Amino acid sequence: MPTEIADNVQVSDEELVSRVLAGENAEFETLMRRNNRRVYRVARAVLHDDAEAEDVAQEAYVRAYQHLDQFQGRSSFATWLISIAFHEALARVRKRARHQEIDAMDESSRDSLPELSVRNSSPEQDASTSEIASLLEDSIDTLPDKYRQVFMLRDVEEMSTADTAACLGISEENVKIRLYRARALMRKKLYARAGAKNSAAFQFMGERCDRLVHTVMTRIARLEPAWKVGPVVCNNKARLS
């Protein structure tokens, strides 16, 4: 099954949201498959861990489903969803920090980029990514957190400056500054040697995509969010805290 579900490109995310709110739960799967890769990427940028990023993506989708009636359309659905995933990932980081000491060696490793090396990839990576993608991932992982998050959204996911700022809760000027510095760090170790396309990094495809979709759809089938109790009433003042 392809990562991005084959659907009618004329149907917007916002229309799919309306259909889900009207009781067509199956349309939530379409929303997930359209956004799985970018949700995973933003969680991965914060957490530095594949498995934990996948867990966060799952929680973000469930949370989005539970509060779907609070989507106001002020930004795109993708931006709203990514913002949920980003803050869910940050909450994980803060919880982790409260329960363990910061590893000084790991912290110092973020201050400078190591020499590039090719790592062994999993069978799934062998099938879906090239050696260049692995080099990119290694290099992106060494960026300091605030630069990595911006780089992942702007250069890897190719989001706009405005949407990136909205997702991360920072100004557009800060997005531009952090992206400039992230690119400078990356260029030193990678661009001149590989010339790789950033979008090749951190793919979320095949079995992993299907597993996430199946797990979330199973979970939300058991939920009764407030908006399913009675008729949907538009509330422009509603917010997802």
Protein backbone atom coordinates (compact mmCIF):
# COMPACT_ATOMS: atom_id res chain seq x y z
CA MET A 1 0.00 0.00 0.00
CA PRO A 2 1.48 3.42 -0.91
CA THR A 3 2.39 5.88 1.80
CA GLU A 4 0.14 8.61 0.49
CA ILE A 5 -3.33 7.22 -0.12
CA ALA A 6 -4.59 7.49 -3.67
CA ASP A 7 -7.51 9.89 -3.35
CA ASN A 8 -9.25 12.65 -5.22
CA VAL A 9 -6.86 15.60 -5.16
CA GLN A 10 -9.84 17.94 -5.47
CA VAL A 11 -11.01 17.01 -1.97
CA SER A 12 -9.27 19.32 0.50
CA ASP A 13 -8.20 18.38 4.01
CA GLU A 14 -10.81 20.81 5.31
CA GLU A 15 -13.57 19.02 3.40
CA LEU A 16 -12.35 15.69 4.78
CA VAL A 17 -12.49 17.15 8.30
CA SER A 18 -16.11 18.11 7.69
CA ARG A 19 -16.88 14.59 6.51
CA VAL A 20 -15.31 13.05 9.63
CA LEU A 21 -17.31 15.41 11.83
CA ALA A 22 -20.42 14.31 9.94
CA GLY A 23 -19.72 10.69 10.86
CA GLU A 24 -17.53 9.43 8.02
CA ASN A 25 -14.71 8.12 10.20
CA ALA A 26 -13.02 6.35 7.29
CA GLU A 27 -12.02 9.73 5.88
CA PHE A 28 -9.70 10.21 8.86
CA GLU A 29 -7.47 7.53 7.34
CA THR A 30 -7.12 9.67 4.22
CA LEU A 31 -6.09 12.63 6.37
CA MET A 32 -3.50 10.46 8.12
CA ARG A 33 -1.96 9.08 4.96
CA ARG A 34 -1.69 12.57 3.50
CA ASN A 35 0.14 13.84 6.57
CA ASN A 36 1.98 10.85 8.07
CA ARG A 37 5.43 11.70 6.78
CA ARG A 38 5.44 15.33 7.87
CA VAL A 39 3.97 14.54 11.31
CA TYR A 40 6.63 11.87 11.82
CA ARG A 41 9.38 14.20 10.63
CA VAL A 42 8.52 17.02 13.01
CA ALA A 43 8.31 14.59 15.96
CA ARG A 44 11.61 13.03 14.90
CA ALA A 45 13.22 16.47 14.73
CA VAL A 46 12.37 17.09 18.37
CA LEU A 47 12.90 13.64 19.85
CA HIS A 48 15.91 12.24 17.95
CA ASP A 49 14.37 8.78 18.15
CA ASP A 50 12.47 6.82 15.49
CA ALA A 51 10.26 4.73 17.77
CA GLU A 52 9.36 7.58 20.10
CA ALA A 53 8.57 9.82 17.12
CA GLU A 54 6.17 7.17 15.87
CA ASP A 55 4.51 7.03 19.30
CA VAL A 56 4.12 10.80 19.31
CA ALA A 57 2.62 10.74 15.83
CA GLN A 58 0.04 8.23 17.05
CA GLU A 59 -0.84 10.34 20.09
CA ALA A 60 -1.05 13.50 17.98
CA TYR A 61 -3.56 11.89 15.63
CA VAL A 62 -5.72 10.63 18.48
CA ARG A 63 -5.61 14.04 20.13
CA ALA A 64 -6.48 15.74 16.84
CA TYR A 65 -9.43 13.39 16.35
CA GLN A 66 -10.73 14.00 19.86
CA HIS A 67 -10.62 17.78 19.32
CA LEU A 68 -11.45 17.85 15.63
CA ASP A 69 -14.36 20.23 16.16
CA GLN A 70 -11.85 22.80 17.46
CA PHE A 71 -10.09 23.07 14.10
CA GLN A 72 -10.99 26.61 13.05
CA GLY A 73 -9.48 26.80 9.59
CA ARG A 74 -7.31 29.82 10.41
CA SER A 75 -4.35 27.83 9.13
CA SER A 76 -4.27 24.68 7.04
CA PHE A 77 -5.24 21.40 8.67
CA ALA A 78 -1.66 20.17 8.15
CA THR A 79 -0.26 23.14 10.08
CA TRP A 80 -2.77 22.60 12.91
CA LEU A 81 -1.90 18.90 13.05
CA ILE A 82 1.85 19.47 12.98
CA SER A 83 1.55 21.99 15.79
CA ILE A 84 -0.17 19.33 17.91
CA ALA A 85 2.59 16.83 17.13
CA PHE A 86 5.32 19.38 17.87
CA HIS A 87 3.93 20.25 21.29
CA GLU A 88 3.30 16.59 22.09
CA ALA A 89 6.97 15.88 21.28
CA LEU A 90 8.13 18.82 23.41
CA ALA A 91 6.08 17.49 26.32
CA ARG A 92 7.91 14.16 25.96
CA VAL A 93 11.27 15.94 26.04
CA ARG A 94 10.34 17.86 29.19
CA LYS A 95 9.08 14.71 30.90
CA ARG A 96 12.25 12.89 29.94
CA ALA A 97 14.36 15.73 31.36
CA ARG A 98 12.57 15.50 34.70
CA HIS A 99 13.37 11.82 35.09
CA GLN A 100 16.94 11.53 33.91
CA GLU A 101 20.17 13.49 33.92
CA ILE A 102 21.25 15.10 30.68
CA ASP A 103 24.02 13.09 29.09
CA ALA A 104 26.92 15.51 28.80
CA MET A 105 28.51 13.61 25.95
CA ASP A 106 25.29 13.63 23.96
CA GLU A 107 24.86 17.34 24.62
CA SER A 108 28.36 18.15 23.46
CA SER A 109 27.87 16.08 20.33
CA ARG A 110 25.18 18.51 19.23
CA ASP A 111 27.59 21.44 19.30
CA SER A 112 29.55 20.36 16.25
CA LEU A 113 29.04 18.12 13.27
CA PRO A 114 31.03 14.87 13.20
CA GLU A 115 32.73 13.57 10.08
CA LEU A 116 30.23 11.97 7.75
CA SER A 117 30.01 8.19 7.83
CA VAL A 118 27.71 5.67 6.19
CA ARG A 119 25.62 3.73 8.69
CA ASN A 120 24.09 0.33 8.17
CA SER A 121 20.47 0.70 7.15
CA SER A 122 17.53 -1.55 7.91
CA PRO A 123 15.94 -3.68 5.18
CA GLU A 124 13.13 -1.14 4.94
CA GLN A 125 15.62 1.70 4.47
CA ASP A 126 17.49 -0.36 1.87
CA ALA A 127 14.25 -0.62 -0.07
CA SER A 128 13.09 2.98 0.28
CA THR A 129 16.13 5.22 0.67
CA SER A 130 19.57 5.60 -0.84
CA GLU A 131 22.94 5.91 0.83
CA ILE A 132 22.58 9.66 0.36
CA ALA A 133 19.44 9.68 2.48
CA SER A 134 21.36 7.99 5.30
CA LEU A 135 24.12 10.58 5.07
CA LEU A 136 21.51 13.33 5.25
CA GLU A 137 19.83 11.82 8.28
CA ASP A 138 23.14 11.45 10.12
CA SER A 139 23.99 15.07 9.45
CA ILE A 140 20.55 16.46 10.31
CA ASP A 141 20.62 14.58 13.62
CA THR A 142 23.77 16.46 14.64
CA LEU A 143 22.16 19.89 14.29
CA PRO A 144 21.30 21.68 17.55
CA ASP A 145 17.62 21.21 18.41
CA LYS A 146 16.30 24.64 17.44
CA TYR A 147 18.08 24.54 14.08
CA ARG A 148 17.11 20.93 13.37
CA GLN A 149 13.42 21.62 13.93
CA VAL A 150 13.38 24.55 11.51
CA PHE A 151 15.55 22.74 8.96
CA MET A 152 13.27 19.70 9.05
CA LEU A 153 10.13 21.72 8.38
CA ARG A 154 11.53 24.22 5.88
CA ASP A 155 14.10 22.26 3.86
CA VAL A 156 13.07 18.65 4.36
CA GLU A 157 9.29 19.01 4.47
CA GLU A 158 9.40 22.19 2.33
CA MET A 159 6.85 24.09 4.40
CA SER A 160 6.54 27.85 4.07
CA THR A 161 8.20 30.26 6.49
CA ALA A 162 4.79 31.33 7.79
CA ASP A 163 3.58 27.77 8.42
CA THR A 164 6.88 26.83 10.08
CA ALA A 165 6.62 29.84 12.39
CA ALA A 166 3.04 28.90 13.26
CA CYS A 167 3.96 25.29 14.03
CA LEU A 168 6.95 26.16 16.23
CA GLY A 169 5.44 29.22 17.87
CA ILE A 170 8.25 31.56 16.84
CA SER A 171 8.46 34.60 14.58
CA GLU A 172 9.07 34.35 10.85
CA GLU A 173 12.29 36.30 11.34
CA ASN A 174 13.52 33.67 13.81
CA VAL A 175 12.65 30.95 11.32
CA LYS A 176 14.79 32.66 8.68
CA ILE A 177 17.73 33.16 11.04
CA ARG A 178 17.69 29.57 12.33
CA LEU A 179 17.34 28.18 8.82
CA TYR A 180 20.30 30.22 7.62
CA ARG A 181 22.47 28.90 10.45
CA ALA A 182 21.27 25.33 10.00
CA ARG A 183 22.08 25.43 6.30
CA ALA A 184 25.54 26.81 7.06
CA LEU A 185 26.25 23.91 9.41
CA MET A 186 24.92 21.36 6.95
CA ARG A 187 26.84 22.85 4.04
CA LYS A 188 30.16 22.36 5.78
CA LYS A 189 29.75 18.62 6.13
CA LEU A 190 27.33 17.57 3.47
CA TYR A 191 26.26 19.86 0.67
CA ALA A 192 29.67 20.18 -0.96
CA ARG A 193 30.29 16.42 -0.78
CA ALA A 194 26.88 14.94 -1.54
CA GLY A 195 24.63 17.50 -3.18
CA ALA A 196 21.69 15.46 -1.98
CA LYS A 197 18.04 16.51 -2.01
CA ASN A 198 16.85 17.06 1.56
CA SER A 199 13.41 15.56 0.95
CA ALA A 200 15.05 12.11 0.70
CA ALA A 201 15.67 12.09 4.44
CA PHE A 202 13.45 10.45 7.10
CA GLN A 203 10.97 8.73 4.83
CA PHE A 204 7.92 7.21 6.50
CA MET A 205 6.60 4.57 4.17
CA GLY A 206 5.24 1.10 3.66
CA GLU A 207 4.78 -1.08 6.72
CA ARG A 208 5.48 1.72 9.21
CA CYS A 209 2.88 3.98 7.63
CA ASP A 210 0.31 1.18 7.51
CA ARG A 211 1.01 0.20 11.13
CA LEU A 212 0.47 3.75 12.37
CA VAL A 213 -2.76 4.14 10.39
CA HIS A 214 -4.13 0.79 11.63
CA THR A 215 -3.27 1.53 15.27
CA VAL A 216 -4.82 5.00 15.27
CA MET A 217 -7.96 3.93 13.40
CA THR A 218 -8.44 1.09 15.92
CA ARG A 219 -8.06 3.51 18.82
CA ILE A 220 -10.41 6.19 17.52
CA ALA A 221 -13.06 3.58 16.72
CA ARG A 222 -13.44 3.17 20.49
CA LEU A 223 -13.59 6.89 21.24
CA GLU A 224 -16.62 9.05 21.80
CA PRO A 225 -15.33 12.62 21.50
CA ALA A 226 -17.62 15.45 22.59
CA TRP A 227 -18.40 16.44 19.01
CA LYS A 228 -19.93 12.98 18.35
CA VAL A 229 -22.45 13.24 21.18
CA GLY A 230 -24.73 15.74 19.46
CA PRO A 231 -24.96 17.84 16.32
CA VAL A 232 -21.80 19.74 15.42
CA VAL A 233 -21.94 23.43 16.29
CA CYS A 234 -19.32 25.71 14.78
CA ASN A 235 -17.41 27.58 17.46
CA ASN A 236 -14.90 30.03 16.16
CA LYS A 237 -13.63 30.74 19.66
CA ALA A 238 -12.75 27.13 20.44
CA ARG A 239 -9.08 26.45 20.98
CA LEU A 240 -6.97 23.35 21.42
CA SER A 241 -4.79 23.99 24.43
